PDB file of all heavy atoms in Angstrom:
ATOM      1  N   PHE A   1     -61.822  27.168  19.737  1.00  0.00           N
ATOM      2  CA  PHE A   1     -63.097  26.750  20.415  1.00  0.00           C
ATOM      3  C   PHE A   1     -63.571  28.013  21.313  1.00  0.00           C
ATOM      4  O   PHE A   1     -64.745  28.375  21.223  1.00  0.00           O
ATOM      5  CB  PHE A   1     -62.781  25.564  21.186  1.00  0.00           C
ATOM      6  CG  PHE A   1     -63.865  25.416  22.325  1.00  0.00           C
ATOM      7  CD1 PHE A   1     -65.022  24.942  22.191  1.00  0.00           C
ATOM      8  CD2 PHE A   1     -63.474  25.798  23.679  1.00  0.00           C
ATOM      9  CE1 PHE A   1     -66.032  24.820  23.313  1.00  0.00           C
ATOM     10  CE2 PHE A   1     -64.308  25.718  24.773  1.00  0.00           C
ATOM     11  CZ  PHE A   1     -65.671  25.214  24.541  1.00  0.00           C
ATOM     12  N   ALA A   2     -62.784  28.554  22.070  1.00  0.00           N
ATOM     13  CA  ALA A   2     -63.141  29.595  23.020  1.00  0.00           C
ATOM     14  C   ALA A   2     -63.633  30.842  22.254  1.00  0.00           C
ATOM     15  O   ALA A   2     -64.647  31.456  22.509  1.00  0.00           O
ATOM     16  CB  ALA A   2     -62.014  29.909  23.992  1.00  0.00           C
ATOM     17  N   ASP A   3     -62.850  31.199  21.206  1.00  0.00           N
ATOM     18  CA  ASP A   3     -63.259  32.363  20.294  1.00  0.00           C
ATOM     19  C   ASP A   3     -64.673  32.122  19.681  1.00  0.00           C
ATOM     20  O   ASP A   3     -65.439  33.012  19.598  1.00  0.00           O
ATOM     21  CB  ASP A   3     -62.257  32.635  19.327  1.00  0.00           C
ATOM     22  CG  ASP A   3     -61.033  33.405  19.840  1.00  0.00           C
ATOM     23  OD1 ASP A   3     -61.075  33.851  21.000  1.00  0.00           O
ATOM     24  OD2 ASP A   3     -59.998  33.475  19.137  1.00  0.00           O
ATOM     25  N   THR A   4     -64.813  30.833  19.183  1.00  0.00           N
ATOM     26  CA  THR A   4     -66.079  30.518  18.544  1.00  0.00           C
ATOM     27  C   THR A   4     -67.280  30.603  19.438  1.00  0.00           C
ATOM     28  O   THR A   4     -68.246  31.172  19.100  1.00  0.00           O
ATOM     29  CB  THR A   4     -66.025  29.218  17.826  1.00  0.00           C
ATOM     30  OG1 THR A   4     -64.845  29.083  16.946  1.00  0.00           O
ATOM     31  CG2 THR A   4     -67.287  28.793  17.162  1.00  0.00           C
ATOM     32  N   LEU A   5     -67.140  29.915  20.583  1.00  0.00           N
ATOM     33  CA  LEU A   5     -68.253  29.823  21.376  1.00  0.00           C
ATOM     34  C   LEU A   5     -68.522  30.969  22.284  1.00  0.00           C
ATOM     35  O   LEU A   5     -69.702  31.413  22.530  1.00  0.00           O
ATOM     36  CB  LEU A   5     -68.093  28.591  22.343  1.00  0.00           C
ATOM     37  CG  LEU A   5     -69.339  27.998  23.034  1.00  0.00           C
ATOM     38  CD1 LEU A   5     -70.254  27.505  21.881  1.00  0.00           C
ATOM     39  CD2 LEU A   5     -68.891  26.809  23.948  1.00  0.00           C
ATOM     40  N   PHE A   6     -67.507  31.739  22.745  1.00  0.00           N
ATOM     41  CA  PHE A   6     -67.678  32.781  23.768  1.00  0.00           C
ATOM     42  C   PHE A   6     -67.163  34.153  23.335  1.00  0.00           C
ATOM     43  O   PHE A   6     -67.497  35.200  23.888  1.00  0.00           O
ATOM     44  CB  PHE A   6     -66.891  32.478  25.054  1.00  0.00           C
ATOM     45  CG  PHE A   6     -67.428  31.217  25.704  1.00  0.00           C
ATOM     46  CD1 PHE A   6     -66.696  30.046  25.556  1.00  0.00           C
ATOM     47  CD2 PHE A   6     -68.540  31.193  26.418  1.00  0.00           C
ATOM     48  CE1 PHE A   6     -67.129  28.830  26.213  1.00  0.00           C
ATOM     49  CE2 PHE A   6     -69.043  30.040  27.115  1.00  0.00           C
ATOM     50  CZ  PHE A   6     -68.341  28.836  26.981  1.00  0.00           C
ATOM     51  N   GLY A   7     -66.477  34.166  22.151  1.00  0.00           N
ATOM     52  CA  GLY A   7     -65.917  35.448  21.653  1.00  0.00           C
ATOM     53  C   GLY A   7     -66.713  35.934  20.516  1.00  0.00           C
ATOM     54  O   GLY A   7     -66.271  36.991  19.993  1.00  0.00           O
ATOM     55  N   GLY A   8     -67.589  35.177  19.908  1.00  0.00           N
ATOM     56  CA  GLY A   8     -68.449  35.605  18.882  1.00  0.00           C
ATOM     57  C   GLY A   8     -67.692  35.734  17.545  1.00  0.00           C
ATOM     58  O   GLY A   8     -68.037  36.422  16.531  1.00  0.00           O
ATOM     59  N   THR A   9     -66.552  34.878  17.587  1.00  0.00           N
ATOM     60  CA  THR A   9     -65.731  34.964  16.227  1.00  0.00           C
ATOM     61  C   THR A   9     -65.535  33.458  15.871  1.00  0.00           C
ATOM     62  O   THR A   9     -64.644  32.701  16.271  1.00  0.00           O
ATOM     63  CB  THR A   9     -64.422  35.629  16.473  1.00  0.00           C
ATOM     64  OG1 THR A   9     -64.526  36.855  16.950  1.00  0.00           O
ATOM     65  CG2 THR A   9     -63.593  35.670  15.252  1.00  0.00           C
ATOM     66  N   PRO A  10     -66.435  32.863  15.029  1.00  0.00           N
ATOM     67  CA  PRO A  10     -66.257  31.495  14.576  1.00  0.00           C
ATOM     68  C   PRO A  10     -64.980  31.306  13.861  1.00  0.00           C
ATOM     69  O   PRO A  10     -64.548  31.996  12.944  1.00  0.00           O
ATOM     70  CB  PRO A  10     -67.476  31.270  13.607  1.00  0.00           C
ATOM     71  CG  PRO A  10     -68.386  32.263  13.928  1.00  0.00           C
ATOM     72  CD  PRO A  10     -67.699  33.544  14.375  1.00  0.00           C
ATOM     73  N   ARG A  11     -64.199  30.335  14.378  1.00  0.00           N
ATOM     74  CA  ARG A  11     -62.821  29.921  13.793  1.00  0.00           C
ATOM     75  C   ARG A  11     -62.734  28.501  13.634  1.00  0.00           C
ATOM     76  O   ARG A  11     -62.868  27.657  14.537  1.00  0.00           O
ATOM     77  CB  ARG A  11     -61.836  30.489  14.833  1.00  0.00           C
ATOM     78  CG  ARG A  11     -61.623  31.954  14.920  1.00  0.00           C
ATOM     79  CD  ARG A  11     -60.502  32.372  15.857  1.00  0.00           C
ATOM     80  NE  ARG A  11     -59.239  31.675  15.522  1.00  0.00           N
ATOM     81  CZ  ARG A  11     -58.346  31.371  16.373  1.00  0.00           C
ATOM     82  NH1 ARG A  11     -58.427  31.808  17.632  1.00  0.00           N
ATOM     83  NH2 ARG A  11     -57.213  30.793  15.997  1.00  0.00           N
ATOM     84  N   ARG A  12     -62.200  28.127  12.379  1.00  0.00           N
ATOM     85  CA  ARG A  12     -61.858  26.738  12.168  1.00  0.00           C
ATOM     86  C   ARG A  12     -60.378  26.759  12.160  1.00  0.00           C
ATOM     87  O   ARG A  12     -59.678  27.646  11.899  1.00  0.00           O
ATOM     88  CB  ARG A  12     -62.373  26.438  10.704  1.00  0.00           C
ATOM     89  CG  ARG A  12     -63.907  26.442  10.371  1.00  0.00           C
ATOM     90  CD  ARG A  12     -64.157  26.040   9.024  1.00  0.00           C
ATOM     91  NE  ARG A  12     -65.627  26.153   8.721  1.00  0.00           N
ATOM     92  CZ  ARG A  12     -66.344  27.176   8.527  1.00  0.00           C
ATOM     93  NH1 ARG A  12     -65.763  28.393   8.403  1.00  0.00           N
ATOM     94  NH2 ARG A  12     -67.603  27.016   8.260  1.00  0.00           N
ATOM     95  N   VAL A  13     -59.804  25.589  12.340  1.00  0.00           N
ATOM     96  CA  VAL A  13     -58.459  25.321  12.477  1.00  0.00           C
ATOM     97  C   VAL A  13     -57.953  24.485  11.345  1.00  0.00           C
ATOM     98  O   VAL A  13     -58.614  23.504  10.999  1.00  0.00           O
ATOM     99  CB  VAL A  13     -58.060  24.498  13.781  1.00  0.00           C
ATOM    100  CG1 VAL A  13     -56.545  24.200  13.819  1.00  0.00           C
ATOM    101  CG2 VAL A  13     -58.352  25.414  14.989  1.00  0.00           C
ATOM    102  N   ASP A  14     -56.970  24.971  10.619  1.00  0.00           N
ATOM    103  CA  ASP A  14     -56.355  24.277   9.497  1.00  0.00           C
ATOM    104  C   ASP A  14     -55.372  23.231   9.949  1.00  0.00           C
ATOM    105  O   ASP A  14     -54.415  23.441  10.687  1.00  0.00           O
ATOM    106  CB  ASP A  14     -55.548  25.310   8.697  1.00  0.00           C
ATOM    107  CG  ASP A  14     -54.984  24.689   7.398  1.00  0.00           C
ATOM    108  OD1 ASP A  14     -55.247  23.435   7.131  1.00  0.00           O
ATOM    109  OD2 ASP A  14     -54.080  25.348   6.817  1.00  0.00           O
ATOM    110  N   HIS A  15     -55.715  21.966   9.635  1.00  0.00           N
ATOM    111  CA  HIS A  15     -54.983  20.822  10.045  1.00  0.00           C
ATOM    112  C   HIS A  15     -53.971  20.300   8.966  1.00  0.00           C
ATOM    113  O   HIS A  15     -53.460  19.244   9.074  1.00  0.00           O
ATOM    114  CB  HIS A  15     -55.837  19.637  10.578  1.00  0.00           C
ATOM    115  CG  HIS A  15     -56.470  19.932  11.866  1.00  0.00           C
ATOM    116  ND1 HIS A  15     -57.725  20.676  11.912  1.00  0.00           N
ATOM    117  CD2 HIS A  15     -56.288  19.704  13.100  1.00  0.00           C
ATOM    118  CE1 HIS A  15     -58.161  20.793  13.162  1.00  0.00           C
ATOM    119  NE2 HIS A  15     -57.307  20.284  13.976  1.00  0.00           N
ATOM    120  N   THR A  16     -53.911  21.059   7.934  1.00  0.00           N
ATOM    121  CA  THR A  16     -53.197  20.580   6.757  1.00  0.00           C
ATOM    122  C   THR A  16     -51.739  20.999   6.609  1.00  0.00           C
ATOM    123  O   THR A  16     -50.941  20.288   6.016  1.00  0.00           O
ATOM    124  CB  THR A  16     -53.949  20.877   5.421  1.00  0.00           C
ATOM    125  OG1 THR A  16     -53.979  22.374   5.382  1.00  0.00           O
ATOM    126  CG2 THR A  16     -55.363  20.401   5.461  1.00  0.00           C
ATOM    127  N   LEU A  17     -51.391  22.096   7.169  1.00  0.00           N
ATOM    128  CA  LEU A  17     -49.977  22.621   7.025  1.00  0.00           C
ATOM    129  C   LEU A  17     -49.385  22.618   8.487  1.00  0.00           C
ATOM    130  O   LEU A  17     -49.597  23.470   9.171  1.00  0.00           O
ATOM    131  CB  LEU A  17     -49.912  23.990   6.269  1.00  0.00           C
ATOM    132  CG  LEU A  17     -48.512  24.489   6.011  1.00  0.00           C
ATOM    133  CD1 LEU A  17     -47.810  23.519   4.994  1.00  0.00           C
ATOM    134  CD2 LEU A  17     -48.552  25.881   5.432  1.00  0.00           C
ATOM    135  N   VAL A  18     -48.586  21.575   8.762  1.00  0.00           N
ATOM    136  CA  VAL A  18     -48.135  21.524  10.079  1.00  0.00           C
ATOM    137  C   VAL A  18     -46.729  21.346  10.172  1.00  0.00           C
ATOM    138  O   VAL A  18     -46.136  20.286   9.962  1.00  0.00           O
ATOM    139  CB  VAL A  18     -48.778  20.174  10.729  1.00  0.00           C
ATOM    140  CG1 VAL A  18     -48.377  20.061  12.151  1.00  0.00           C
ATOM    141  CG2 VAL A  18     -50.297  20.215  10.612  1.00  0.00           C
ATOM    142  N   PRO A  19     -45.912  22.500  10.583  1.00  0.00           N
ATOM    143  CA  PRO A  19     -44.457  22.347  10.794  1.00  0.00           C
ATOM    144  C   PRO A  19     -44.182  21.578  11.955  1.00  0.00           C
ATOM    145  O   PRO A  19     -44.985  21.637  13.032  1.00  0.00           O
ATOM    146  CB  PRO A  19     -44.084  23.786  10.972  1.00  0.00           C
ATOM    147  CG  PRO A  19     -45.149  24.691  10.495  1.00  0.00           C
ATOM    148  CD  PRO A  19     -46.412  23.823  10.672  1.00  0.00           C
ATOM    149  N   THR A  20     -43.217  20.652  11.931  1.00  0.00           N
ATOM    150  CA  THR A  20     -42.991  19.828  13.068  1.00  0.00           C
ATOM    151  C   THR A  20     -41.554  19.545  13.140  1.00  0.00           C
ATOM    152  O   THR A  20     -40.775  19.663  12.130  1.00  0.00           O
ATOM    153  CB  THR A  20     -43.821  18.615  13.067  1.00  0.00           C
ATOM    154  OG1 THR A  20     -43.715  17.921  14.347  1.00  0.00           O
ATOM    155  CG2 THR A  20     -43.441  17.651  12.112  1.00  0.00           C
ATOM    156  N   ALA A  21     -40.978  19.080  14.384  1.00  0.00           N
ATOM    157  CA  ALA A  21     -39.689  18.662  14.488  1.00  0.00           C
ATOM    158  C   ALA A  21     -39.692  17.402  15.326  1.00  0.00           C
ATOM    159  O   ALA A  21     -40.524  17.049  16.115  1.00  0.00           O
ATOM    160  CB  ALA A  21     -38.852  19.789  15.324  1.00  0.00           C
ATOM    161  N   VAL A  22     -38.600  16.595  15.010  1.00  0.00           N
ATOM    162  CA  VAL A  22     -38.286  15.423  15.727  1.00  0.00           C
ATOM    163  C   VAL A  22     -36.899  15.594  16.409  1.00  0.00           C
ATOM    164  O   VAL A  22     -35.988  15.712  15.663  1.00  0.00           O
ATOM    165  CB  VAL A  22     -38.311  14.117  14.832  1.00  0.00           C
ATOM    166  CG1 VAL A  22     -38.065  12.897  15.718  1.00  0.00           C
ATOM    167  CG2 VAL A  22     -39.717  14.034  14.149  1.00  0.00           C
ATOM    168  N   PHE A  23     -36.811  15.583  17.693  1.00  0.00           N
ATOM    169  CA  PHE A  23     -35.637  15.988  18.401  1.00  0.00           C
ATOM    170  C   PHE A  23     -34.744  14.765  18.616  1.00  0.00           C
ATOM    171  O   PHE A  23     -34.320  14.541  19.788  1.00  0.00           O
ATOM    172  CB  PHE A  23     -36.000  16.674  19.582  1.00  0.00           C
ATOM    173  CG  PHE A  23     -36.537  18.107  19.351  1.00  0.00           C
ATOM    174  CD1 PHE A  23     -37.839  18.330  19.496  1.00  0.00           C
ATOM    175  CD2 PHE A  23     -35.769  19.129  18.744  1.00  0.00           C
ATOM    176  CE1 PHE A  23     -38.469  19.589  19.286  1.00  0.00           C
ATOM    177  CE2 PHE A  23     -36.270  20.272  18.399  1.00  0.00           C
ATOM    178  CZ  PHE A  23     -37.606  20.603  18.603  1.00  0.00           C
ATOM    179  N   THR A  24     -34.499  13.920  17.668  1.00  0.00           N
ATOM    180  CA  THR A  24     -33.382  13.086  17.589  1.00  0.00           C
ATOM    181  C   THR A  24     -32.132  13.822  17.439  1.00  0.00           C
ATOM    182  O   THR A  24     -32.166  15.089  17.325  1.00  0.00           O
ATOM    183  CB  THR A  24     -33.555  12.052  16.427  1.00  0.00           C
ATOM    184  OG1 THR A  24     -33.750  12.771  15.255  1.00  0.00           O
ATOM    185  CG2 THR A  24     -34.667  11.088  16.700  1.00  0.00           C
ATOM    186  N   THR A  25     -30.980  13.172  17.404  1.00  0.00           N
ATOM    187  CA  THR A  25     -29.707  13.833  17.143  1.00  0.00           C
ATOM    188  C   THR A  25     -29.137  12.967  16.059  1.00  0.00           C
ATOM    189  O   THR A  25     -28.573  11.839  16.341  1.00  0.00           O
ATOM    190  CB  THR A  25     -28.777  13.940  18.405  1.00  0.00           C
ATOM    191  OG1 THR A  25     -29.418  14.625  19.387  1.00  0.00           O
ATOM    192  CG2 THR A  25     -27.565  14.650  18.103  1.00  0.00           C
ATOM    193  N   PRO A  26     -28.966  13.531  14.856  1.00  0.00           N
ATOM    194  CA  PRO A  26     -29.396  14.734  14.430  1.00  0.00           C
ATOM    195  C   PRO A  26     -30.968  14.930  14.450  1.00  0.00           C
ATOM    196  O   PRO A  26     -31.651  13.914  14.324  1.00  0.00           O
ATOM    197  CB  PRO A  26     -28.956  14.955  13.018  1.00  0.00           C
ATOM    198  CG  PRO A  26     -28.859  13.437  12.501  1.00  0.00           C
ATOM    199  CD  PRO A  26     -28.358  12.758  13.699  1.00  0.00           C
ATOM    200  N   GLU A  27     -31.441  16.187  14.479  1.00  0.00           N
ATOM    201  CA  GLU A  27     -32.943  16.299  14.516  1.00  0.00           C
ATOM    202  C   GLU A  27     -33.518  16.454  13.149  1.00  0.00           C
ATOM    203  O   GLU A  27     -32.782  16.728  12.081  1.00  0.00           O
ATOM    204  CB  GLU A  27     -33.150  17.595  15.359  1.00  0.00           C
ATOM    205  CG  GLU A  27     -32.823  18.962  14.810  1.00  0.00           C
ATOM    206  CD  GLU A  27     -33.142  20.109  15.828  1.00  0.00           C
ATOM    207  OE1 GLU A  27     -32.787  19.973  16.949  1.00  0.00           O
ATOM    208  OE2 GLU A  27     -33.560  21.132  15.241  1.00  0.00           O
ATOM    209  N   LEU A  28     -34.780  16.418  13.078  1.00  0.00           N
ATOM    210  CA  LEU A  28     -35.564  16.516  11.795  1.00  0.00           C
ATOM    211  C   LEU A  28     -36.405  17.846  11.990  1.00  0.00           C
ATOM    212  O   LEU A  28     -36.994  18.033  12.957  1.00  0.00           O
ATOM    213  CB  LEU A  28     -36.446  15.420  11.560  1.00  0.00           C
ATOM    214  CG  LEU A  28     -35.966  14.228  10.842  1.00  0.00           C
ATOM    215  CD1 LEU A  28     -34.818  13.511  11.558  1.00  0.00           C
ATOM    216  CD2 LEU A  28     -37.066  13.357  10.629  1.00  0.00           C
ATOM    217  N   GLY A  29     -36.497  18.578  10.876  1.00  0.00           N
ATOM    218  CA  GLY A  29     -37.417  19.651  10.697  1.00  0.00           C
ATOM    219  C   GLY A  29     -38.274  19.501   9.357  1.00  0.00           C
ATOM    220  O   GLY A  29     -37.620  19.463   8.424  1.00  0.00           O
ATOM    221  N   VAL A  30     -39.554  19.407   9.417  1.00  0.00           N
ATOM    222  CA  VAL A  30     -40.337  19.221   8.317  1.00  0.00           C
ATOM    223  C   VAL A  30     -41.677  20.068   8.247  1.00  0.00           C
ATOM    224  O   VAL A  30     -42.128  20.461   9.349  1.00  0.00           O
ATOM    225  CB  VAL A  30     -40.770  17.730   8.087  1.00  0.00           C
ATOM    226  CG1 VAL A  30     -39.516  16.753   8.033  1.00  0.00           C
ATOM    227  CG2 VAL A  30     -41.666  17.294   9.149  1.00  0.00           C
ATOM    228  N   VAL A  31     -41.987  20.429   7.054  1.00  0.00           N
ATOM    229  CA  VAL A  31     -43.258  21.115   6.892  1.00  0.00           C
ATOM    230  C   VAL A  31     -43.827  20.915   5.427  1.00  0.00           C
ATOM    231  O   VAL A  31     -43.020  20.782   4.508  1.00  0.00           O
ATOM    232  CB  VAL A  31     -43.234  22.604   7.180  1.00  0.00           C
ATOM    233  CG1 VAL A  31     -42.240  23.332   6.365  1.00  0.00           C
ATOM    234  CG2 VAL A  31     -44.651  23.168   7.076  1.00  0.00           C
ATOM    235  N   GLY A  32     -45.148  20.570   5.319  1.00  0.00           N
ATOM    236  CA  GLY A  32     -45.666  20.333   3.934  1.00  0.00           C
ATOM    237  C   GLY A  32     -45.674  18.869   3.629  1.00  0.00           C
ATOM    238  O   GLY A  32     -45.577  17.968   4.412  1.00  0.00           O
ATOM    239  N   LEU A  33     -45.800  18.728   2.333  1.00  0.00           N
ATOM    240  CA  LEU A  33     -45.997  17.318   1.860  1.00  0.00           C
ATOM    241  C   LEU A  33     -44.752  16.531   1.724  1.00  0.00           C
ATOM    242  O   LEU A  33     -43.741  17.074   1.486  1.00  0.00           O
ATOM    243  CB  LEU A  33     -46.808  17.335   0.408  1.00  0.00           C
ATOM    244  CG  LEU A  33     -48.172  18.021   0.334  1.00  0.00           C
ATOM    245  CD1 LEU A  33     -48.604  18.044  -1.080  1.00  0.00           C
ATOM    246  CD2 LEU A  33     -49.039  17.282   1.211  1.00  0.00           C
ATOM    247  N   THR A  34     -44.846  15.185   1.871  1.00  0.00           N
ATOM    248  CA  THR A  34     -43.698  14.350   1.536  1.00  0.00           C
ATOM    249  C   THR A  34     -43.711  14.160   0.030  1.00  0.00           C
ATOM    250  O   THR A  34     -44.662  14.506  -0.710  1.00  0.00           O
ATOM    251  CB  THR A  34     -43.834  12.949   2.234  1.00  0.00           C
ATOM    252  OG1 THR A  34     -45.104  12.239   1.647  1.00  0.00           O
ATOM    253  CG2 THR A  34     -43.995  13.075   3.749  1.00  0.00           C
ATOM    254  N   GLU A  35     -42.568  13.732  -0.493  1.00  0.00           N
ATOM    255  CA  GLU A  35     -42.587  13.476  -1.891  1.00  0.00           C
ATOM    256  C   GLU A  35     -43.670  12.511  -2.289  1.00  0.00           C
ATOM    257  O   GLU A  35     -44.177  12.705  -3.369  1.00  0.00           O
ATOM    258  CB  GLU A  35     -41.140  12.855  -2.219  1.00  0.00           C
ATOM    259  CG  GLU A  35     -40.996  12.722  -3.844  1.00  0.00           C
ATOM    260  CD  GLU A  35     -39.513  12.313  -4.242  1.00  0.00           C
ATOM    261  OE1 GLU A  35     -38.650  12.326  -3.312  1.00  0.00           O
ATOM    262  OE2 GLU A  35     -39.414  11.837  -5.343  1.00  0.00           O
ATOM    263  N   GLU A  36     -43.811  11.523  -1.652  1.00  0.00           N
ATOM    264  CA  GLU A  36     -44.784  10.450  -2.020  1.00  0.00           C
ATOM    265  C   GLU A  36     -46.179  10.957  -2.030  1.00  0.00           C
ATOM    266  O   GLU A  36     -46.983  10.750  -2.951  1.00  0.00           O
ATOM    267  CB  GLU A  36     -44.718   9.191  -0.995  1.00  0.00           C
ATOM    268  CG  GLU A  36     -43.497   8.529  -0.936  1.00  0.00           C
ATOM    269  CD  GLU A  36     -42.281   9.295  -0.263  1.00  0.00           C
ATOM    270  OE1 GLU A  36     -42.574  10.067   0.628  1.00  0.00           O
ATOM    271  OE2 GLU A  36     -41.087   9.116  -0.722  1.00  0.00           O
ATOM    272  N   ALA A  37     -46.607  11.913  -0.968  1.00  0.00           N
ATOM    273  CA  ALA A  37     -47.875  12.476  -1.014  1.00  0.00           C
ATOM    274  C   ALA A  37     -48.028  13.475  -2.075  1.00  0.00           C
ATOM    275  O   ALA A  37     -49.064  13.724  -2.629  1.00  0.00           O
ATOM    276  CB  ALA A  37     -48.169  13.061   0.457  1.00  0.00           C
ATOM    277  N   ALA A  38     -47.001  14.328  -2.371  1.00  0.00           N
ATOM    278  CA  ALA A  38     -47.051  15.216  -3.271  1.00  0.00           C
ATOM    279  C   ALA A  38     -47.301  14.787  -4.645  1.00  0.00           C
ATOM    280  O   ALA A  38     -48.068  15.367  -5.535  1.00  0.00           O
ATOM    281  CB  ALA A  38     -45.776  16.182  -3.284  1.00  0.00           C
ATOM    282  N   LEU A  39     -46.682  13.719  -4.905  1.00  0.00           N
ATOM    283  CA  LEU A  39     -46.861  12.987  -6.334  1.00  0.00           C
ATOM    284  C   LEU A  39     -48.340  12.658  -6.658  1.00  0.00           C
ATOM    285  O   LEU A  39     -48.718  12.620  -7.753  1.00  0.00           O
ATOM    286  CB  LEU A  39     -45.974  11.727  -6.433  1.00  0.00           C
ATOM    287  CG  LEU A  39     -44.432  12.102  -6.918  1.00  0.00           C
ATOM    288  CD1 LEU A  39     -43.579  10.955  -6.790  1.00  0.00           C
ATOM    289  CD2 LEU A  39     -44.463  12.806  -8.310  1.00  0.00           C
ATOM    290  N   LEU A  40     -49.086  12.363  -5.595  1.00  0.00           N
ATOM    291  CA  LEU A  40     -50.484  11.822  -5.828  1.00  0.00           C
ATOM    292  C   LEU A  40     -51.382  13.180  -6.300  1.00  0.00           C
ATOM    293  O   LEU A  40     -52.303  12.888  -6.937  1.00  0.00           O
ATOM    294  CB  LEU A  40     -51.045  11.390  -4.483  1.00  0.00           C
ATOM    295  CG  LEU A  40     -50.424  10.089  -3.812  1.00  0.00           C
ATOM    296  CD1 LEU A  40     -50.980   9.777  -2.608  1.00  0.00           C
ATOM    297  CD2 LEU A  40     -50.546   9.017  -4.889  1.00  0.00           C
TER     298      LEU A  40
END
């Protein structure tokens, strides 16, 4: 947002590829499509 509005560099954000973790014990680490979503 700041780069676009005040830095003269329009930037869009990709919301599709999101690495994430769930800090249960044991923990989860995931990125990309689930099997169910990938099959579609």
